[in-house]
Amino acid sequence: MSRRNFLKTSALIGAGALASDLAAPAAANTASAGETQKAPTSAMSKPIRIRMGGYGPPTTGFSLALKRIGDRLKARFGSDVDVKYVYNIMDLAYRGEDILWLVEDGVLTLGYQSSSYMTDRVPDMGLADLPFLFPSAENARAAMDGQLGQVLSAKIEERMNYRILGYFENGFRHVSNRVRPVRTPADMKGMTIRVLPSKVQARTFELLGAIPKILDLTEAIQGVKDGTLDAQENPFANTVTYGVHKFHRYHTMTNHFYLSRPIFLHRQSFDAWPRELQVEMREAVRDAVAFQRDLHVKEEEEAAAAIRKDGGEIIELTPEQHKAFVAAVSPIYAEARSQYSPELLALVNM
């Protein structure tokens, strides 16, 4: 392990996270790495240690949902489980994307991350990144809780060392920028914009005339602050959580992507647990997903108010303006039909 990763792992453990796998390298990013892992002792002896992590402040809906999971487990199993949290791994000098290997290597037991971060390992996850895929949050939730989510979960588990138990809602995303109001695709021409590590997302903004840059969240926040990025895209709640609204005046309700955040557990730990703990964790996650989604609606409303309070301008597109954005990215759908199987496309009515 490099000194940098050793120090980062040590800091995480100092915050109360799982200490069973200090030697796990950050670069263990293949499915075969998981196949050689054994369940840590902390997953098989009482108290069973459960370390949950994310990349947001303790006040976000995601963090509150983790706490809700932990509280339910403690209420059911008492001293037989030892639950602790690292709500924001970025406070410990990690990158947002590090949550993937922290769970896959067993340093953390449970985490979440936007599905786009998995597209390099699980290419079929790119389907969920297609723009304007879902007409409403209700439609998207039904898809992720139904057959689409089941198929994508199976594909993740085939290639990554996880058990997928559900999907938090990251929600519909909007464009914010420091340059000018965006009402048409032409207004985005030449803007540098941060996107998640997804070829589909990068292609979407190329079609809109922007210059997409794939950056980790830590890099994106710095780029917003120092002005090297013109724009970014996020739900309003994320934009406010990360302080972007203090640097971007213009916020356009494009609703271009709907993203979910898979909730994943270290496979060997989960599989080694007693059946009753596995069942209770599944039920706790199901309850927490509903809780978080309800909070997300309120968080979006509060974030929009915060944007306006700090002098930001929220631009609501007319139906005609919205159609212009859909038309501009339409070539990506033909490209998708050549990239994904007919069975997978049928799950999103393509």
Protein backbone atom coordinates (compact mmCIF):
# COMPACT_ATOMS: atom_id res chain seq x y z
CA MET A 1 0.00 0.00 0.00
CA SER A 2 1.26 3.47 -0.82
CA ARG A 3 1.94 5.88 2.03
CA ARG A 4 -0.91 8.08 0.80
CA ASN A 5 -3.46 5.27 0.90
CA PHE A 6 -2.10 4.01 4.22
CA LEU A 7 -2.56 7.44 5.79
CA LYS A 8 -6.03 7.78 4.31
CA THR A 9 -7.09 4.35 5.55
CA SER A 10 -5.61 5.07 8.98
CA ALA A 11 -7.59 8.31 9.18
CA LEU A 12 -10.79 6.48 8.30
CA ILE A 13 -10.16 3.88 10.97
CA GLY A 14 -9.42 6.62 13.45
CA ALA A 15 -12.92 7.94 12.75
CA GLY A 16 -14.35 4.58 13.82
CA ALA A 17 -14.47 2.61 10.57
CA LEU A 18 -13.79 -1.06 9.98
CA ALA A 19 -10.15 -2.02 10.70
CA SER A 20 -10.16 -5.52 9.30
CA ASP A 21 -8.40 -4.92 5.99
CA LEU A 22 -5.60 -2.40 6.37
CA ALA A 23 -3.58 -4.08 3.67
CA ALA A 24 -6.27 -3.82 0.98
CA PRO A 25 -4.88 -1.71 -1.90
CA ALA A 26 -6.90 1.13 -3.38
CA ALA A 27 -6.24 -0.30 -6.81
CA ALA A 28 -8.15 -3.56 -6.21
CA ASN A 29 -10.68 -2.72 -8.90
CA THR A 30 -11.38 -6.03 -10.60
CA ALA A 31 -14.05 -8.62 -9.95
CA SER A 32 -11.36 -11.26 -9.45
CA ALA A 33 -10.04 -9.35 -6.42
CA GLY A 34 -13.34 -9.92 -4.66
CA GLU A 35 -13.30 -13.63 -5.46
CA THR A 36 -10.16 -14.13 -3.35
CA GLN A 37 -11.46 -12.24 -0.33
CA LYS A 38 -12.58 -13.92 2.83
CA ALA A 39 -15.13 -12.58 5.26
CA PRO A 40 -13.47 -10.42 7.91
CA THR A 41 -13.54 -11.69 11.47
CA SER A 42 -15.59 -8.63 12.43
CA ALA A 43 -18.44 -9.92 10.25
CA MET A 44 -18.59 -13.28 12.01
CA SER A 45 -18.02 -12.60 15.70
CA LYS A 46 -20.10 -10.54 18.09
CA PRO A 47 -20.43 -7.69 18.12
CA ILE A 48 -20.67 -7.69 14.34
CA ARG A 49 -19.04 -4.48 13.17
CA ILE A 50 -20.91 -2.47 10.56
CA ARG A 51 -19.28 0.66 9.16
CA MET A 52 -21.38 2.83 6.86
CA GLY A 53 -20.01 5.68 4.78
CA GLY A 54 -20.92 8.33 2.25
CA TYR A 55 -19.70 11.64 0.91
CA GLY A 56 -21.96 14.32 2.33
CA PRO A 57 -22.48 16.20 5.60
CA PRO A 58 -24.40 14.45 8.40
CA THR A 59 -27.43 16.68 7.70
CA THR A 60 -28.12 15.40 4.17
CA GLY A 61 -30.91 12.96 3.43
CA PHE A 62 -28.34 10.34 2.45
CA SER A 63 -26.56 10.58 5.80
CA LEU A 64 -29.83 10.64 7.73
CA ALA A 65 -30.89 7.52 5.83
CA LEU A 66 -27.68 5.74 6.88
CA LYS A 67 -28.41 6.69 10.50
CA ARG A 68 -31.95 5.35 10.12
CA ILE A 69 -30.54 2.02 8.93
CA GLY A 70 -28.15 1.86 11.87
CA ASP A 71 -30.79 2.81 14.42
CA ARG A 72 -33.05 0.03 13.19
CA LEU A 73 -30.27 -2.55 13.42
CA LYS A 74 -29.35 -1.40 16.93
CA ALA A 75 -32.99 -1.55 18.03
CA ARG A 76 -33.28 -5.12 16.76
CA PHE A 77 -29.90 -6.59 17.73
CA GLY A 78 -28.63 -4.35 20.53
CA SER A 79 -25.08 -5.06 21.65
CA ASP A 80 -24.72 -7.85 19.07
CA VAL A 81 -23.94 -5.20 16.45
CA ASP A 82 -21.49 -2.30 16.56
CA VAL A 83 -22.58 0.39 14.09
CA LYS A 84 -20.55 3.47 13.24
CA TYR A 85 -20.61 6.07 10.47
CA VAL A 86 -18.23 8.03 8.29
CA TYR A 87 -20.76 10.38 6.76
CA ASN A 88 -18.33 12.26 4.53
CA ILE A 89 -15.18 10.47 3.46
CA MET A 90 -14.00 13.69 1.78
CA ASP A 91 -13.46 15.15 5.25
CA LEU A 92 -10.71 12.55 5.60
CA ALA A 93 -8.96 13.55 2.35
CA TYR A 94 -10.59 10.84 0.25
CA ARG A 95 -12.07 11.47 -3.17
CA GLY A 96 -15.78 10.90 -3.63
CA GLU A 97 -15.08 7.96 -5.94
CA ASP A 98 -13.03 6.22 -3.24
CA ILE A 99 -16.24 5.01 -1.62
CA LEU A 100 -16.29 2.28 -4.28
CA TRP A 101 -13.05 0.57 -3.29
CA LEU A 102 -13.50 1.29 0.41
CA VAL A 103 -16.57 -0.96 0.36
CA GLU A 104 -15.33 -3.39 -2.29
CA ASP A 105 -12.19 -4.07 -0.24
CA GLY A 106 -14.12 -4.32 3.04
CA VAL A 107 -12.73 -1.23 4.75
CA LEU A 108 -16.33 -0.02 4.93
CA THR A 109 -19.31 -2.36 5.13
CA LEU A 110 -21.87 -0.23 3.31
CA GLY A 111 -21.78 2.78 1.03
CA TYR A 112 -23.61 4.51 -1.80
CA GLN A 113 -22.50 6.25 -4.97
CA SER A 114 -24.11 7.61 -8.13
CA SER A 115 -24.53 4.81 -10.64
CA SER A 116 -22.49 6.71 -13.27
CA TYR A 117 -19.32 5.93 -11.31
CA MET A 118 -19.83 2.24 -12.10
CA THR A 119 -20.13 2.54 -15.87
CA ASP A 120 -16.45 1.80 -16.56
CA ARG A 121 -16.73 -1.55 -14.76
CA VAL A 122 -20.37 -2.23 -15.67
CA PRO A 123 -20.96 -0.68 -19.11
CA ASP A 124 -24.67 -1.55 -19.14
CA MET A 125 -25.13 0.94 -16.28
CA GLY A 126 -24.69 3.62 -18.95
CA LEU A 127 -28.28 2.95 -19.98
CA ALA A 128 -29.45 4.68 -16.80
CA ASP A 129 -27.41 7.75 -17.79
CA LEU A 130 -29.34 8.40 -20.99
CA PRO A 131 -30.82 11.90 -21.03
CA PHE A 132 -34.54 12.52 -20.62
CA LEU A 133 -35.10 8.82 -19.97
CA PHE A 134 -37.86 9.18 -17.38
CA PRO A 135 -40.80 11.59 -17.57
CA SER A 136 -41.24 11.83 -13.80
CA ALA A 137 -39.71 10.84 -10.49
CA GLU A 138 -42.55 8.39 -9.94
CA ASN A 139 -41.79 6.68 -13.25
CA ALA A 140 -38.07 6.53 -12.45
CA ARG A 141 -38.63 5.14 -8.97
CA ALA A 142 -40.91 2.43 -10.30
CA ALA A 143 -38.27 1.43 -12.84
CA MET A 144 -35.44 1.31 -10.30
CA ASP A 145 -37.57 -0.61 -7.80
CA GLY A 146 -38.76 -2.95 -10.53
CA GLN A 147 -37.24 -5.04 -13.29
CA LEU A 148 -34.76 -2.40 -14.50
CA GLY A 149 -33.25 -2.06 -11.03
CA GLN A 150 -33.17 -5.83 -10.58
CA VAL A 151 -31.34 -6.39 -13.87
CA LEU A 152 -28.84 -3.58 -13.20
CA SER A 153 -28.22 -4.87 -9.66
CA ALA A 154 -27.42 -8.33 -11.04
CA LYS A 155 -25.01 -6.82 -13.56
CA ILE A 156 -23.22 -4.85 -10.82
CA GLU A 157 -22.90 -7.96 -8.66
CA GLU A 158 -21.46 -9.89 -11.61
CA ARG A 159 -18.57 -7.45 -11.98
CA MET A 160 -18.07 -5.83 -8.57
CA ASN A 161 -17.62 -7.22 -5.08
CA TYR A 162 -20.98 -6.07 -3.71
CA ARG A 163 -24.44 -7.00 -2.66
CA ILE A 164 -26.86 -4.36 -3.99
CA LEU A 165 -29.79 -3.79 -1.63
CA GLY A 166 -31.56 -0.79 -3.14
CA TYR A 167 -31.31 2.63 -4.75
CA PHE A 168 -31.31 6.03 -3.12
CA GLU A 169 -32.64 8.87 -5.25
CA ASN A 170 -30.14 11.39 -6.54
CA GLY A 171 -32.93 12.71 -8.71
CA PHE A 172 -33.24 15.00 -11.68
CA ARG A 173 -30.22 17.10 -12.49
CA HIS A 174 -29.96 20.71 -13.61
CA VAL A 175 -27.25 22.87 -15.16
CA SER A 176 -25.67 25.71 -13.19
CA ASN A 177 -23.03 28.08 -14.53
CA ARG A 178 -21.18 31.32 -13.93
CA VAL A 179 -21.33 32.69 -17.49
CA ARG A 180 -24.89 33.38 -18.72
CA PRO A 181 -28.50 32.23 -18.51
CA VAL A 182 -29.11 28.94 -20.34
CA ARG A 183 -32.44 28.71 -22.14
CA THR A 184 -31.41 26.94 -25.34
CA PRO A 185 -28.71 24.44 -26.29
CA ALA A 186 -26.94 27.27 -28.11
CA ASP A 187 -26.44 29.01 -24.77
CA MET A 188 -24.19 26.14 -23.68
CA LYS A 189 -21.85 26.37 -26.64
CA GLY A 190 -18.22 26.35 -25.53
CA MET A 191 -18.93 26.07 -21.81
CA THR A 192 -16.69 23.74 -19.84
CA ILE A 193 -18.90 21.55 -17.68
CA ARG A 194 -18.08 18.88 -15.15
CA VAL A 195 -19.73 15.51 -15.72
CA LEU A 196 -19.61 12.23 -13.84
CA PRO A 197 -17.34 9.42 -15.15
CA SER A 198 -19.77 8.33 -17.84
CA LYS A 199 -19.29 8.28 -21.61
CA VAL A 200 -23.03 8.74 -22.01
CA GLN A 201 -23.01 11.91 -19.93
CA ALA A 202 -19.98 13.28 -21.75
CA ARG A 203 -21.61 12.56 -25.12
CA THR A 204 -24.83 14.25 -24.01
CA PHE A 205 -23.09 17.54 -23.31
CA GLU A 206 -21.02 17.32 -26.47
CA LEU A 207 -24.31 17.21 -28.37
CA LEU A 208 -25.42 20.30 -26.45
CA GLY A 209 -22.30 22.14 -27.60
CA ALA A 210 -20.53 22.17 -24.24
CA ILE A 211 -17.05 20.87 -23.39
CA PRO A 212 -17.51 18.06 -20.87
CA LYS A 213 -14.79 17.30 -18.34
CA ILE A 214 -14.93 14.09 -16.30
CA LEU A 215 -13.86 15.04 -12.78
CA ASP A 216 -14.19 13.63 -9.29
CA LEU A 217 -16.39 15.66 -6.98
CA THR A 218 -13.38 17.03 -5.10
CA GLU A 219 -11.89 18.29 -8.38
CA ALA A 220 -15.21 19.71 -9.52
CA ILE A 221 -15.70 21.73 -6.34
CA GLN A 222 -12.21 23.18 -6.70
CA GLY A 223 -12.84 23.99 -10.37
CA VAL A 224 -16.03 25.84 -9.49
CA LYS A 225 -14.25 27.83 -6.80
CA ASP A 226 -11.25 28.83 -8.90
CA GLY A 227 -13.28 29.48 -12.05
CA THR A 228 -11.59 26.88 -14.24
CA LEU A 229 -15.01 25.29 -14.76
CA ASP A 230 -17.83 27.29 -16.29
CA ALA A 231 -20.65 24.93 -15.37
CA GLN A 232 -21.71 21.81 -13.52
CA GLU A 233 -24.85 19.68 -13.32
CA ASN A 234 -26.54 18.38 -10.19
CA PRO A 235 -29.83 18.32 -8.34
CA PHE A 236 -30.35 21.62 -6.53
CA ALA A 237 -29.74 19.89 -3.18
CA ASN A 238 -26.26 18.76 -4.22
CA THR A 239 -25.47 22.16 -5.71
CA VAL A 240 -26.21 23.79 -2.36
CA THR A 241 -24.64 21.05 -0.22
CA TYR A 242 -21.31 21.54 -1.98
CA GLY A 243 -21.56 25.34 -1.98
CA VAL A 244 -21.65 25.67 -5.76
CA HIS A 245 -24.53 28.17 -5.62
CA LYS A 246 -22.21 30.70 -4.03
CA PHE A 247 -20.15 30.77 -7.23
CA HIS A 248 -22.79 30.15 -9.93
CA ARG A 249 -25.50 32.71 -10.55
CA TYR A 250 -27.46 30.87 -13.26
CA HIS A 251 -29.40 27.66 -12.59
CA THR A 252 -31.50 26.09 -15.36
CA MET A 253 -34.08 23.41 -14.58
CA THR A 254 -33.10 21.12 -17.44
CA ASN A 255 -34.06 17.81 -15.76
CA HIS A 256 -31.67 16.21 -18.22
CA PHE A 257 -30.62 13.11 -16.23
CA TYR A 258 -32.33 11.17 -13.47
CA LEU A 259 -29.71 9.36 -11.40
CA SER A 260 -29.92 6.80 -8.63
CA ARG A 261 -27.33 5.92 -6.03
CA PRO A 262 -26.97 2.15 -5.53
CA ILE A 263 -26.62 1.06 -1.91
CA PHE A 264 -23.89 -1.56 -1.86
CA LEU A 265 -22.45 -3.80 0.84
CA HIS A 266 -19.14 -5.65 1.01
CA ARG A 267 -20.14 -9.03 -0.36
CA GLN A 268 -18.13 -11.31 1.96
CA SER A 269 -19.23 -9.43 5.09
CA PHE A 270 -22.91 -9.51 4.18
CA ASP A 271 -22.82 -13.16 3.13
CA ALA A 272 -21.15 -14.16 6.42
CA TRP A 273 -23.82 -12.54 8.59
CA PRO A 274 -26.53 -14.59 10.30
CA ARG A 275 -29.63 -14.83 8.15
CA GLU A 276 -31.69 -12.72 10.52
CA LEU A 277 -29.21 -9.84 10.20
CA GLN A 278 -29.21 -10.12 6.40
CA VAL A 279 -33.01 -9.99 6.34
CA GLU A 280 -33.14 -7.06 8.74
CA MET A 281 -30.55 -5.13 6.73
CA ARG A 282 -32.58 -5.62 3.56
CA GLU A 283 -35.70 -4.37 5.33
CA ALA A 284 -33.81 -1.46 6.87
CA VAL A 285 -32.49 -0.40 3.47
CA ARG A 286 -35.95 -0.64 1.92
CA ASP A 287 -37.33 1.61 4.66
CA ALA A 288 -34.40 4.03 4.35
CA VAL A 289 -34.87 4.37 0.59
CA ALA A 290 -38.48 5.50 1.05
CA PHE A 291 -37.37 7.85 3.84
CA GLN A 292 -34.57 9.37 1.75
CA ARG A 293 -36.74 9.85 -1.32
CA ASP A 294 -39.32 11.75 0.71
CA LEU A 295 -36.56 13.92 2.16
CA HIS A 296 -35.15 14.55 -1.32
CA VAL A 297 -38.33 16.34 -2.40
CA LYS A 298 -38.11 18.67 0.59
CA GLU A 299 -34.37 19.16 0.12
CA GLU A 300 -34.87 20.25 -3.48
CA GLU A 301 -37.43 22.85 -2.42
CA GLU A 302 -35.20 24.16 0.35
CA ALA A 303 -32.16 24.24 -1.94
CA ALA A 304 -34.04 26.26 -4.57
CA ALA A 305 -34.92 28.78 -1.86
CA ALA A 306 -31.27 28.91 -0.75
CA ILE A 307 -30.13 29.56 -4.32
CA ARG A 308 -32.53 32.49 -4.67
CA LYS A 309 -31.61 33.83 -1.24
CA ASP A 310 -27.94 33.99 -2.25
CA GLY A 311 -28.76 35.90 -5.43
CA GLY A 312 -29.01 32.99 -7.84
CA GLU A 313 -31.42 32.93 -10.77
CA ILE A 314 -33.47 29.79 -11.39
CA ILE A 315 -34.60 29.47 -14.99
CA GLU A 316 -37.63 27.28 -15.72
CA LEU A 317 -37.75 26.15 -19.33
CA THR A 318 -40.94 26.43 -21.36
CA PRO A 319 -42.20 23.21 -22.99
CA GLU A 320 -40.83 24.41 -26.32
CA GLN A 321 -37.42 25.18 -24.83
CA HIS A 322 -37.34 21.77 -23.16
CA LYS A 323 -38.14 20.08 -26.49
CA ALA A 324 -35.16 21.86 -28.04
CA PHE A 325 -32.83 20.21 -25.52
CA VAL A 326 -34.38 16.79 -26.17
CA ALA A 327 -34.00 17.28 -29.91
CA ALA A 328 -30.37 18.36 -29.57
CA VAL A 329 -29.37 15.11 -27.86
CA SER A 330 -31.54 12.83 -29.99
CA PRO A 331 -28.57 11.21 -31.82
CA ILE A 332 -27.59 9.54 -28.55
CA TYR A 333 -30.67 7.30 -28.66
CA ALA A 334 -29.68 5.79 -31.99
CA GLU A 335 -26.20 5.26 -30.61
CA ALA A 336 -27.68 3.56 -27.54
CA ARG A 337 -29.56 1.08 -29.72
CA SER A 338 -26.25 -0.13 -31.08
CA GLN A 339 -24.61 -0.32 -27.63
CA TYR A 340 -27.18 -2.09 -25.45
CA SER A 341 -29.08 -5.32 -25.91
CA PRO A 342 -32.71 -5.27 -27.10
CA GLU A 343 -33.71 -6.89 -23.79
CA LEU A 344 -32.10 -4.09 -21.80
CA LEU A 345 -33.52 -1.35 -24.04
CA ALA A 346 -36.99 -2.80 -23.65
CA LEU A 347 -36.81 -2.12 -19.92
CA VAL A 348 -36.76 1.63 -20.68
CA ASN A 349 -39.22 1.42 -23.57
CA MET A 350 -36.61 1.84 -26.27
